[in-house]
Amino acid sequence: MNWQSLLLALVALTGATALRGNVSPSPLFTDHAVLQRDAVVPIWGAADPAEKISVSFAGQRVETTADQAGEWTVNLAALSANVSGALVITGKNTVTLQDVVAGDVWLCSGQSNMARTVNRVENAAAEIAAATEPAIRHYYVPLHASPEPQSDRSLKSNWEVASPQTVGNFTAVGYFFAREIYRQLGVPIGIIHSSWGGTLIQPWMPLTAFQTYPGYKEMLERKQADIAAWPERRIKLDAELKAWETESAAAKAAGRPEPVKPWNPGPPDSGPLMPSQIYNGMIHPLVHYRIRGALWYQGEANAGSGSAGATDYTDLQSRLIIGWREAWSIGDFPFYFAQLPNWDNPKDSTHRSWAFFREGQAGTLTTVNTGMAVLIDIGDSADIHPKNKQDVGRRLALIALADTYGKKVIAHGPVLRTAKTEGDSIRVTFNFTDNGLIARGGVSLNGFEIAAADGIFVPANANIEGNDIIARNPQVPSPAFLRYAWANDPPVTLFNGAGLPAMPFRTDKLTK
């Protein structure tokens, strides 16, 4: 070997040794990271096998040795809120992460309404210009579906501080939630944003939680049938899309509304449509990162199958919550979710599929440490993606302030408690009538329907009596059932004095 070859070999060897010797933290730990306060905080990463590692932060210094796979973990003792500084990781080299702070970390997940960013909401320009909240930090999880659970090493992202330059790409629901919590508590808030538009709940569930689901075998059989039928469906879909393009162009030219575009879900065996594959790629990599709780806004892709589908969703969402909690192994952390808002679904001839689905979502409240934000008044009749995400974040924050942080705030609108027939009327009572029941927009209450035992519903005249509602209709002298806001896009008139809407309800389910 000549000297040039020897030199190149030595350089290559030195470089390889340096590469193997570089201690590195998990990709979840970057500059501006938020560490969960008031709890033991794991910090982990990679190094050479048997390499000695030390981690220093806020006066703590913890040492460990990498295992034979080159993996290491240390635990920082509980940190007080607002403690900040450099997180220094030292092995054969040193990695210094700047501007790390202790606060509360919330996972924000779901489909497109959680994915909707601040630059696409009401008053976006003003919201972005006013986003000088350096205590609010955001970590985006890239879209990734996988047949096998992935480690955090699959993540390629970093923590960003809220500013006019960055906040436009934050999850809007998560940002407005974080802003409200920070303004009330003065505690830094970290948002880990992991969502994917148009996705069902099934791909977000751990396989261990899904395999015991009663419909698991049948779902897999349907999936196989869909895969087999896809080539023929694809041909038909292509024809429908071409026809839609022609009709859409003609409608635009004539000044008419565009027809609804045919939905193209893609091949049924693609990752985002397969059970557990989004969990594997976008939730499992996060499970060692200490969090305070989770926010969930999903369901549009599962809605539409009536009462049976609603009951099914109650089971699925409960399994998801339990599965996530088991994966994190930190107990029953708070799980707060958004109930679907009003929307006039043009494909639903019954005009009620979302009403049943909202009931299915509410059924999940029997799972411990959960809460639901009612959004029935802030949707958009013509848009499945309403732009008012400020109130979504605020209502989720009110629940967290009350239930997680123990603050004396009014967090819920009226919720049905009892229903009793009184002659030709039905009297209903409510929980959460804080500051009294009110009819928004005037004296009249709309959106109530009444029925006899035959279940044929007609509009009801409803009036407020104290904290009760009395409903009747002369056509129904012997009423048995009452419904309120029981439609995809119903009139919404009943609120409490705190300005929060009543949860939609039906009493006919109470007898079945």
Protein backbone atom coordinates (compact mmCIF):
# COMPACT_ATOMS: atom_id res chain seq x y z
CA MET A 1 0.00 0.00 0.00
CA ASN A 2 1.49 3.39 -0.97
CA TRP A 3 1.41 6.32 1.42
CA GLN A 4 -1.53 7.99 -0.34
CA SER A 5 -3.67 4.87 0.07
CA LEU A 6 -2.57 4.52 3.69
CA LEU A 7 -3.50 8.15 4.40
CA LEU A 8 -6.94 7.72 2.82
CA ALA A 9 -7.53 4.57 4.86
CA LEU A 10 -6.55 6.34 8.08
CA VAL A 11 -8.82 9.27 7.29
CA ALA A 12 -11.70 6.90 6.55
CA LEU A 13 -11.07 4.97 9.76
CA THR A 14 -10.86 8.16 11.83
CA GLY A 15 -14.05 9.46 10.28
CA ALA A 16 -15.90 6.20 10.91
CA THR A 17 -14.70 6.14 14.52
CA ALA A 18 -15.81 9.72 15.03
CA LEU A 19 -19.19 8.96 13.50
CA ARG A 20 -19.76 5.97 15.73
CA GLY A 21 -18.56 7.93 18.75
CA ASN A 22 -20.92 10.88 18.31
CA VAL A 23 -23.37 10.88 21.19
CA SER A 24 -26.76 12.11 19.97
CA PRO A 25 -30.11 12.71 21.62
CA SER A 26 -33.42 11.45 20.31
CA PRO A 27 -34.73 13.65 17.47
CA LEU A 28 -37.49 14.71 19.89
CA PHE A 29 -34.90 16.73 21.81
CA THR A 30 -33.81 19.83 19.90
CA ASP A 31 -33.24 23.50 20.65
CA HIS A 32 -36.39 25.08 22.18
CA ALA A 33 -37.75 21.74 23.45
CA VAL A 34 -40.38 21.72 26.20
CA LEU A 35 -39.83 19.19 29.00
CA GLN A 36 -42.81 18.09 31.07
CA ARG A 37 -42.77 19.81 34.45
CA ASP A 38 -43.56 18.20 37.83
CA ALA A 39 -42.67 14.71 36.60
CA VAL A 40 -39.65 12.49 36.06
CA VAL A 41 -38.41 13.31 32.53
CA PRO A 42 -36.62 10.64 30.47
CA ILE A 43 -33.86 11.87 28.15
CA TRP A 44 -32.45 9.32 25.74
CA GLY A 45 -30.41 8.85 22.62
CA ALA A 46 -27.59 6.93 20.92
CA ALA A 47 -23.82 6.56 21.34
CA ASP A 48 -21.11 3.92 21.11
CA PRO A 49 -21.76 0.73 23.07
CA ALA A 50 -20.51 1.15 26.66
CA GLU A 51 -19.89 4.88 26.12
CA LYS A 52 -20.23 6.93 29.32
CA ILE A 53 -22.87 9.66 29.02
CA SER A 54 -23.77 12.62 31.21
CA VAL A 55 -26.81 14.88 30.88
CA SER A 56 -26.97 18.28 32.57
CA PHE A 57 -29.92 20.65 32.89
CA ALA A 58 -31.06 23.25 35.41
CA GLY A 59 -28.54 22.26 38.03
CA GLN A 60 -29.00 18.52 37.59
CA ARG A 61 -26.31 16.20 36.26
CA VAL A 62 -27.15 12.55 35.58
CA GLU A 63 -24.78 9.88 34.30
CA THR A 64 -25.26 6.55 32.56
CA THR A 65 -23.55 4.11 30.21
CA ALA A 66 -24.80 3.21 26.75
CA ASP A 67 -25.88 -0.41 26.39
CA GLN A 68 -24.49 -2.90 23.87
CA ALA A 69 -26.84 -1.56 21.20
CA GLY A 70 -25.51 1.94 21.77
CA GLU A 71 -28.73 3.17 23.40
CA TRP A 72 -28.89 5.18 26.61
CA THR A 73 -31.52 6.78 28.85
CA VAL A 74 -31.35 9.01 31.92
CA ASN A 75 -34.12 10.42 34.07
CA LEU A 76 -34.17 14.04 35.20
CA ALA A 77 -35.89 14.68 38.50
CA ALA A 78 -39.11 16.71 38.41
CA LEU A 79 -38.64 20.24 37.11
CA SER A 80 -40.54 23.37 38.11
CA ALA A 81 -42.44 25.31 35.47
CA ASN A 82 -40.45 27.96 33.61
CA VAL A 83 -37.06 26.47 34.51
CA SER A 84 -34.99 26.97 31.37
CA GLY A 85 -31.49 26.87 29.98
CA ALA A 86 -29.16 24.67 27.97
CA LEU A 87 -29.53 20.88 27.97
CA VAL A 88 -26.00 19.52 27.69
CA ILE A 89 -25.32 15.92 26.66
CA THR A 90 -21.72 14.75 26.91
CA GLY A 91 -20.05 11.53 25.80
CA LYS A 92 -17.02 11.39 23.54
CA ASN A 93 -18.42 14.63 22.16
CA THR A 94 -20.81 17.24 23.54
CA VAL A 95 -24.25 18.23 22.25
CA THR A 96 -25.76 21.45 23.62
CA LEU A 97 -29.46 22.14 23.10
CA GLN A 98 -30.30 25.80 23.67
CA ASP A 99 -33.40 27.43 25.14
CA VAL A 100 -34.95 24.28 26.64
CA VAL A 101 -37.79 25.01 29.06
CA ALA A 102 -39.99 23.12 31.53
CA GLY A 103 -43.74 23.37 31.04
CA ASP A 104 -46.66 21.20 29.93
CA VAL A 105 -46.57 19.07 26.79
CA TRP A 106 -49.78 18.21 24.93
CA LEU A 107 -50.07 15.79 22.02
CA CYS A 108 -52.43 17.12 19.30
CA SER A 109 -53.71 14.48 16.90
CA GLY A 110 -56.53 13.56 14.53
CA GLN A 111 -57.43 14.34 10.95
CA SER A 112 -57.79 17.46 8.80
CA ASN A 113 -59.42 19.81 11.29
CA MET A 114 -56.52 19.23 13.69
CA ALA A 115 -54.08 19.49 10.78
CA ARG A 116 -55.55 22.85 9.72
CA THR A 117 -52.87 25.47 10.34
CA VAL A 118 -53.06 28.99 11.74
CA ASN A 119 -52.55 30.53 8.30
CA ARG A 120 -55.90 29.05 7.21
CA VAL A 121 -58.21 30.27 10.01
CA GLU A 122 -60.41 33.30 10.54
CA ASN A 123 -58.42 36.51 10.85
CA ALA A 124 -55.25 34.61 10.02
CA ALA A 125 -53.14 37.68 9.24
CA ALA A 126 -53.97 39.32 12.57
CA GLU A 127 -53.44 36.10 14.51
CA ILE A 128 -50.03 35.56 12.92
CA ALA A 129 -48.92 39.16 13.52
CA ALA A 130 -49.91 38.89 17.19
CA ALA A 131 -48.14 35.56 17.79
CA THR A 132 -45.38 36.80 20.08
CA GLU A 133 -45.62 33.91 22.54
CA PRO A 134 -42.10 32.47 22.99
CA ALA A 135 -43.35 30.20 25.77
CA ILE A 136 -45.46 28.28 23.22
CA ARG A 137 -43.47 25.70 21.25
CA HIS A 138 -44.52 23.37 18.41
CA TYR A 139 -43.10 20.06 17.17
CA TYR A 140 -44.46 18.71 13.88
CA VAL A 141 -44.50 14.95 13.22
CA PRO A 142 -44.18 14.26 9.46
CA LEU A 143 -46.73 12.00 7.76
CA HIS A 144 -45.58 8.40 7.97
CA ALA A 145 -47.49 5.11 7.85
CA SER A 146 -45.68 1.87 8.59
CA PRO A 147 -46.60 -1.82 8.91
CA GLU A 148 -44.24 -2.04 11.90
CA PRO A 149 -43.90 0.23 14.96
CA GLN A 150 -41.20 2.84 14.34
CA SER A 151 -38.70 4.27 16.80
CA ASP A 152 -38.21 7.97 17.42
CA ARG A 153 -35.19 7.78 15.09
CA SER A 154 -37.66 7.92 12.19
CA LEU A 155 -38.56 11.52 13.12
CA LYS A 156 -37.08 14.43 11.21
CA SER A 157 -38.30 17.61 12.86
CA ASN A 158 -37.51 20.22 15.48
CA TRP A 159 -39.16 22.38 18.11
CA GLU A 160 -40.19 25.86 16.96
CA VAL A 161 -40.98 28.91 19.09
CA ALA A 162 -44.26 30.69 18.33
CA SER A 163 -43.60 33.89 16.40
CA PRO A 164 -45.05 35.68 13.37
CA GLN A 165 -42.44 33.86 11.29
CA THR A 166 -43.38 30.35 12.47
CA VAL A 167 -46.90 30.19 13.87
CA GLY A 168 -48.64 30.12 10.48
CA ASN A 169 -47.67 26.46 10.16
CA PHE A 170 -48.71 25.43 13.69
CA THR A 171 -51.82 23.32 14.21
CA ALA A 172 -54.46 26.00 14.81
CA VAL A 173 -56.49 24.04 17.36
CA GLY A 174 -53.33 23.19 19.28
CA TYR A 175 -52.00 26.74 19.14
CA PHE A 176 -55.20 28.39 20.33
CA PHE A 177 -55.48 25.77 23.10
CA ALA A 178 -51.89 26.46 24.16
CA ARG A 179 -52.40 30.22 24.03
CA GLU A 180 -55.38 30.07 26.35
CA ILE A 181 -53.62 27.78 28.83
CA TYR A 182 -50.50 29.95 28.83
CA ARG A 183 -52.46 33.15 29.33
CA GLN A 184 -54.34 31.65 32.27
CA LEU A 185 -51.45 29.85 33.97
CA GLY A 186 -48.21 31.42 32.74
CA VAL A 187 -46.80 27.92 32.11
CA PRO A 188 -44.88 27.21 28.89
CA ILE A 189 -46.80 24.88 26.59
CA GLY A 190 -45.32 22.43 24.12
CA ILE A 191 -47.48 21.08 21.31
CA ILE A 192 -46.53 17.85 19.58
CA HIS A 193 -48.58 17.90 16.38
CA SER A 194 -49.25 14.49 14.82
CA SER A 195 -52.27 14.50 12.50
CA TRP A 196 -53.23 13.37 8.98
CA GLY A 197 -56.16 14.66 6.95
CA GLY A 198 -58.86 12.32 5.71
CA THR A 199 -57.90 9.42 7.98
CA LEU A 200 -60.12 6.95 9.81
CA ILE A 201 -59.60 6.25 13.50
CA GLN A 202 -58.53 2.64 12.87
CA PRO A 203 -55.04 3.48 11.50
CA TRP A 204 -54.37 5.54 14.66
CA MET A 205 -54.99 2.63 17.03
CA PRO A 206 -52.25 0.36 18.41
CA LEU A 207 -52.60 -3.14 17.00
CA THR A 208 -52.83 -4.56 20.53
CA ALA A 209 -55.90 -2.38 21.15
CA PHE A 210 -57.44 -3.24 17.79
CA GLN A 211 -56.99 -7.00 17.70
CA THR A 212 -59.58 -7.54 20.46
CA TYR A 213 -62.14 -5.31 18.72
CA PRO A 214 -65.21 -7.45 17.90
CA GLY A 215 -65.29 -6.28 14.28
CA TYR A 216 -61.58 -6.81 13.64
CA LYS A 217 -61.92 -10.06 11.64
CA GLU A 218 -64.79 -8.70 9.53
CA MET A 219 -62.93 -5.44 8.92
CA LEU A 220 -59.91 -7.33 7.60
CA GLU A 221 -62.16 -9.39 5.33
CA ARG A 222 -63.75 -6.21 3.95
CA LYS A 223 -60.31 -4.73 3.45
CA GLN A 224 -59.23 -7.76 1.41
CA ALA A 225 -62.39 -7.51 -0.68
CA ASP A 226 -61.74 -3.80 -1.27
CA ILE A 227 -58.19 -4.55 -2.37
CA ALA A 228 -59.41 -7.18 -4.83
CA ALA A 229 -62.04 -4.78 -6.23
CA TRP A 230 -59.71 -1.78 -6.49
CA PRO A 231 -58.58 -2.18 -10.15
CA GLU A 232 -62.18 -2.06 -11.38
CA ARG A 233 -63.07 0.73 -8.97
CA ARG A 234 -60.07 2.72 -10.15
CA ILE A 235 -61.34 2.67 -13.74
CA LYS A 236 -64.78 3.85 -12.63
CA LEU A 237 -63.28 6.53 -10.38
CA ASP A 238 -61.14 7.91 -13.20
CA ALA A 239 -64.26 8.22 -15.36
CA GLU A 240 -66.14 9.97 -12.53
CA LEU A 241 -63.28 12.42 -12.02
CA LYS A 242 -63.17 13.29 -15.73
CA ALA A 243 -66.93 13.83 -15.73
CA TRP A 244 -66.62 16.01 -12.64
CA GLU A 245 -63.93 18.14 -14.29
CA THR A 246 -66.25 18.78 -17.25
CA GLU A 247 -69.24 19.56 -15.00
CA SER A 248 -67.14 21.75 -12.73
CA ALA A 249 -65.80 23.81 -15.64
CA ALA A 250 -69.34 24.28 -16.97
CA ALA A 251 -70.60 25.32 -13.55
CA LYS A 252 -67.83 27.89 -13.13
CA ALA A 253 -68.52 29.32 -16.59
CA ALA A 254 -72.22 29.64 -15.76
CA GLY A 255 -71.60 31.09 -12.30
CA ARG A 256 -73.12 28.08 -10.57
CA PRO A 257 -71.69 26.27 -7.52
CA GLU A 258 -69.28 23.49 -8.36
CA PRO A 259 -70.56 19.91 -7.95
CA VAL A 260 -69.10 17.81 -5.16
CA LYS A 261 -65.83 16.24 -6.25
CA PRO A 262 -65.76 12.42 -6.16
CA TRP A 263 -63.68 11.24 -3.25
CA ASN A 264 -60.51 9.38 -4.17
CA PRO A 265 -59.35 7.41 -1.10
CA GLY A 266 -56.47 5.81 -3.01
CA PRO A 267 -55.62 2.11 -3.05
CA PRO A 268 -57.29 0.41 -0.05
CA ASP A 269 -54.01 -1.23 0.99
CA SER A 270 -52.09 2.06 1.18
CA GLY A 271 -50.60 2.75 4.60
CA PRO A 272 -52.91 5.56 5.79
CA LEU A 273 -55.93 3.28 5.28
CA MET A 274 -54.57 0.19 7.03
CA PRO A 275 -55.23 -0.56 10.72
CA SER A 276 -52.51 0.66 13.11
CA GLN A 277 -50.13 1.88 10.42
CA ILE A 278 -50.37 5.58 11.26
CA TYR A 279 -50.02 4.72 14.95
CA ASN A 280 -46.86 2.79 14.07
CA GLY A 281 -45.36 5.70 12.15
CA MET A 282 -46.62 8.80 13.97
CA ILE A 283 -47.62 7.90 17.55
CA HIS A 284 -45.38 5.01 18.58
CA PRO A 285 -42.19 7.06 18.02
CA LEU A 286 -43.45 9.52 20.67
CA VAL A 287 -44.41 7.19 23.50
CA HIS A 288 -41.29 7.73 25.63
CA TYR A 289 -41.63 11.52 25.56
CA ARG A 290 -43.32 12.67 28.75
CA ILE A 291 -46.61 14.48 28.08
CA ARG A 292 -49.34 16.08 30.18
CA GLY A 293 -52.22 14.95 27.99
CA ALA A 294 -53.70 14.61 24.50
CA LEU A 295 -56.12 16.51 22.28
CA TRP A 296 -58.04 14.68 19.54
CA TYR A 297 -60.09 16.10 16.64
CA GLN A 298 -61.15 13.27 14.33
CA GLY A 299 -64.28 11.54 13.13
CA GLU A 300 -65.30 13.07 9.82
CA ALA A 301 -63.90 10.03 8.01
CA ASN A 302 -65.81 7.63 10.28
CA ALA A 303 -69.12 9.52 10.43
CA GLY A 304 -72.08 8.67 8.26
CA SER A 305 -73.19 5.17 9.19
CA GLY A 306 -76.06 6.04 11.52
CA SER A 307 -76.71 4.71 15.00
CA ALA A 308 -74.79 1.45 14.58
CA GLY A 309 -71.71 3.29 13.35
CA ALA A 310 -71.95 5.70 16.26
CA THR A 311 -71.95 2.88 18.78
CA ASP A 312 -69.01 1.34 16.95
CA TYR A 313 -67.07 4.60 17.18
CA THR A 314 -67.62 4.78 20.93
CA ASP A 315 -65.90 1.41 21.19
CA LEU A 316 -63.09 2.35 18.78
CA GLN A 317 -62.26 5.69 20.38
CA SER A 318 -62.31 4.16 23.86
CA ARG A 319 -59.89 1.50 22.67
CA LEU A 320 -57.63 4.13 21.14
CA ILE A 321 -57.51 6.09 24.41
CA ILE A 322 -56.75 3.00 26.48
CA GLY A 323 -54.18 1.81 23.93
CA TRP A 324 -52.34 5.13 23.91
CA ARG A 325 -52.30 5.27 27.70
CA GLU A 326 -50.88 1.76 27.89
CA ALA A 327 -48.18 2.71 25.38
CA TRP A 328 -47.08 5.76 27.40
CA SER A 329 -47.24 3.92 30.76
CA ILE A 330 -47.80 7.12 32.74
CA GLY A 331 -51.35 6.43 33.90
CA ASP A 332 -54.69 7.74 32.68
CA PHE A 333 -53.48 11.03 31.25
CA PRO A 334 -56.16 13.55 30.16
CA PHE A 335 -57.68 12.93 26.75
CA TYR A 336 -59.86 15.77 25.47
CA PHE A 337 -61.59 15.63 22.10
CA ALA A 338 -63.73 17.73 19.79
CA GLN A 339 -67.29 16.70 18.98
CA LEU A 340 -68.02 17.22 15.28
CA PRO A 341 -69.58 20.63 14.57
CA ASN A 342 -72.56 21.44 12.39
CA TRP A 343 -72.18 20.79 8.66
CA ASP A 344 -74.78 20.29 5.92
CA ASN A 345 -73.36 17.11 4.42
CA PRO A 346 -74.51 17.20 0.76
CA LYS A 347 -74.14 13.41 0.44
CA ASP A 348 -76.41 12.54 3.37
CA SER A 349 -80.05 12.30 2.33
CA THR A 350 -81.12 11.60 5.94
CA HIS A 351 -79.55 14.87 7.17
CA ARG A 352 -78.94 13.13 10.53
CA SER A 353 -75.91 10.86 10.21
CA TRP A 354 -73.65 13.29 12.06
CA ALA A 355 -76.19 13.62 14.87
CA PHE A 356 -75.88 9.91 15.60
CA PHE A 357 -72.12 10.11 15.24
CA ARG A 358 -71.86 12.95 17.75
CA GLU A 359 -73.76 10.74 20.17
CA GLY A 360 -71.17 8.02 19.56
CA GLN A 361 -68.40 10.48 20.33
CA ALA A 362 -70.13 11.52 23.55
CA GLY A 363 -70.34 7.87 24.56
CA THR A 364 -66.57 7.89 25.00
CA LEU A 365 -66.98 10.17 28.02
CA THR A 366 -67.55 7.05 30.13
CA THR A 367 -63.79 6.43 29.74
CA VAL A 368 -61.98 7.89 32.74
CA ASN A 369 -60.34 11.34 32.51
CA THR A 370 -61.85 12.37 29.19
CA GLY A 371 -63.63 15.54 28.13
CA MET A 372 -65.48 16.69 25.02
CA ALA A 373 -65.74 20.16 23.52
CA VAL A 374 -69.18 20.75 21.96
CA LEU A 375 -68.84 22.66 18.67
CA ILE A 376 -72.40 22.42 17.34
CA ASP A 377 -72.67 26.22 16.97
CA ILE A 378 -69.32 27.08 15.36
CA GLY A 379 -69.21 24.88 12.29
CA ASP A 380 -69.78 25.96 8.72
CA SER A 381 -72.86 24.69 6.91
CA ALA A 382 -71.02 24.72 3.59
CA ASP A 383 -67.52 23.67 4.68
CA ILE A 384 -66.38 20.54 6.51
CA HIS A 385 -63.33 22.59 7.57
CA PRO A 386 -64.76 25.56 9.51
CA LYS A 387 -62.30 28.42 9.94
CA ASN A 388 -63.17 29.27 13.52
CA LYS A 389 -60.47 27.27 15.25
CA GLN A 390 -60.03 29.90 17.96
CA ASP A 391 -63.16 28.77 19.80
CA VAL A 392 -62.27 25.10 19.31
CA GLY A 393 -58.94 25.62 21.05
CA ARG A 394 -60.54 27.79 23.72
CA ARG A 395 -63.25 25.25 24.57
CA LEU A 396 -60.74 22.43 24.83
CA ALA A 397 -58.63 24.70 27.03
CA LEU A 398 -61.60 25.42 29.32
CA ILE A 399 -62.00 21.68 29.90
CA ALA A 400 -58.29 21.33 30.65
CA LEU A 401 -58.34 24.34 32.97
CA ALA A 402 -61.23 22.87 34.92
CA ASP A 403 -60.36 19.18 34.94
CA THR A 404 -56.56 19.04 34.65
CA TYR A 405 -55.57 22.28 36.33
CA GLY A 406 -58.38 22.58 38.88
CA LYS A 407 -59.38 26.12 37.96
CA LYS A 408 -62.87 27.41 38.72
CA VAL A 409 -63.99 28.07 35.17
CA ILE A 410 -67.20 27.21 33.34
CA ALA A 411 -66.10 24.54 30.90
CA HIS A 412 -69.32 22.98 29.56
CA GLY A 413 -72.63 23.99 28.11
CA PRO A 414 -75.90 22.41 29.28
CA VAL A 415 -75.94 18.59 29.19
CA LEU A 416 -79.17 16.58 29.44
CA ARG A 417 -79.74 15.13 32.92
CA THR A 418 -83.36 13.94 33.08
CA ALA A 419 -86.47 13.87 30.89
CA LYS A 420 -89.99 13.42 32.26
CA THR A 421 -93.40 13.44 30.57
CA GLU A 422 -95.86 15.80 32.27
CA GLY A 423 -99.27 15.51 30.62
CA ASP A 424 -98.95 16.96 27.12
CA SER A 425 -95.38 18.14 27.71
CA ILE A 426 -91.87 16.85 28.33
CA ARG A 427 -89.73 18.52 30.97
CA VAL A 428 -85.96 18.19 30.66
CA THR A 429 -83.35 19.18 33.22
CA PHE A 430 -79.66 19.81 32.64
CA ASN A 431 -76.26 19.78 34.22
CA PHE A 432 -73.96 22.76 33.64
CA THR A 433 -76.64 25.45 33.60
CA ASP A 434 -74.12 27.97 34.90
CA ASN A 435 -75.59 31.50 34.99
CA GLY A 436 -78.89 30.07 33.75
CA LEU A 437 -80.31 28.80 30.47
CA ILE A 438 -80.63 31.31 27.65
CA ALA A 439 -82.10 31.33 24.15
CA ARG A 440 -79.50 32.80 21.84
CA GLY A 441 -80.78 35.48 19.52
CA GLY A 442 -84.06 36.14 21.28
CA VAL A 443 -86.90 34.52 23.17
CA SER A 444 -87.72 31.57 20.91
CA LEU A 445 -85.95 28.21 21.16
CA ASN A 446 -85.61 26.29 17.91
CA GLY A 447 -84.22 22.86 17.15
CA PHE A 448 -86.50 20.83 19.46
CA GLU A 449 -88.53 17.90 18.11
CA ILE A 450 -91.13 15.87 20.00
CA ALA A 451 -92.73 12.47 19.34
CA ALA A 452 -95.28 10.07 20.76
CA ALA A 453 -94.40 6.44 21.33
CA ASP A 454 -94.61 5.88 17.55
CA GLY A 455 -91.31 7.79 17.16
CA ILE A 456 -92.63 10.20 14.54
CA PHE A 457 -90.98 13.52 15.38
CA VAL A 458 -92.45 16.95 14.73
CA PRO A 459 -91.15 20.40 15.72
CA ALA A 460 -91.75 21.27 19.37
CA ASN A 461 -92.53 24.55 21.07
CA ALA A 462 -89.92 24.84 23.80
CA ASN A 463 -89.68 27.34 26.63
CA ILE A 464 -87.26 27.95 29.47
CA GLU A 465 -88.61 27.57 33.00
CA GLY A 466 -85.80 28.30 35.43
CA ASN A 467 -83.13 25.73 34.64
CA ASP A 468 -85.56 23.41 32.83
CA ILE A 469 -87.00 23.23 29.34
CA ILE A 470 -90.70 22.49 28.77
CA ALA A 471 -91.52 21.23 25.27
CA ARG A 472 -94.87 20.42 23.66
CA ASN A 473 -96.81 20.28 20.39
CA PRO A 474 -100.65 20.12 20.21
CA GLN A 475 -100.31 17.42 17.53
CA VAL A 476 -98.66 15.15 20.12
CA PRO A 477 -101.00 15.08 23.15
CA SER A 478 -99.18 12.10 24.69
CA PRO A 479 -95.48 12.79 24.10
CA ALA A 480 -92.83 10.20 24.84
CA PHE A 481 -89.56 11.47 23.28
CA LEU A 482 -87.71 14.73 22.75
CA ARG A 483 -84.72 15.60 20.61
CA TYR A 484 -82.61 18.73 20.38
CA ALA A 485 -80.20 19.74 17.59
CA TRP A 486 -80.61 16.26 16.15
CA ALA A 487 -79.43 16.92 12.60
CA ASN A 488 -76.22 17.37 10.65
CA ASP A 489 -76.68 21.14 10.57
CA PRO A 490 -79.37 21.98 13.12
CA PRO A 491 -80.68 25.27 14.51
CA VAL A 492 -78.67 25.93 17.68
CA THR A 493 -80.37 28.18 20.21
CA LEU A 494 -79.88 26.76 23.72
CA PHE A 495 -76.89 28.01 25.72
CA ASN A 496 -75.94 28.62 29.31
CA GLY A 497 -75.13 32.05 30.67
CA ALA A 498 -71.43 31.48 30.00
CA GLY A 499 -72.16 31.37 26.26
CA LEU A 500 -71.50 27.64 25.84
CA PRO A 501 -73.95 25.60 23.71
CA ALA A 502 -76.08 22.72 24.93
CA MET A 503 -74.93 19.29 23.85
CA PRO A 504 -77.28 17.76 21.26
CA PHE A 505 -79.45 15.01 22.74
CA ARG A 506 -82.31 12.58 22.17
CA THR A 507 -84.39 10.97 24.91
CA ASP A 508 -85.63 8.10 22.72
CA LYS A 509 -82.31 6.34 23.28
CA LEU A 510 -82.85 6.43 27.03
CA THR A 511 -85.66 3.87 26.78
CA LYS A 512 -83.79 1.40 24.53
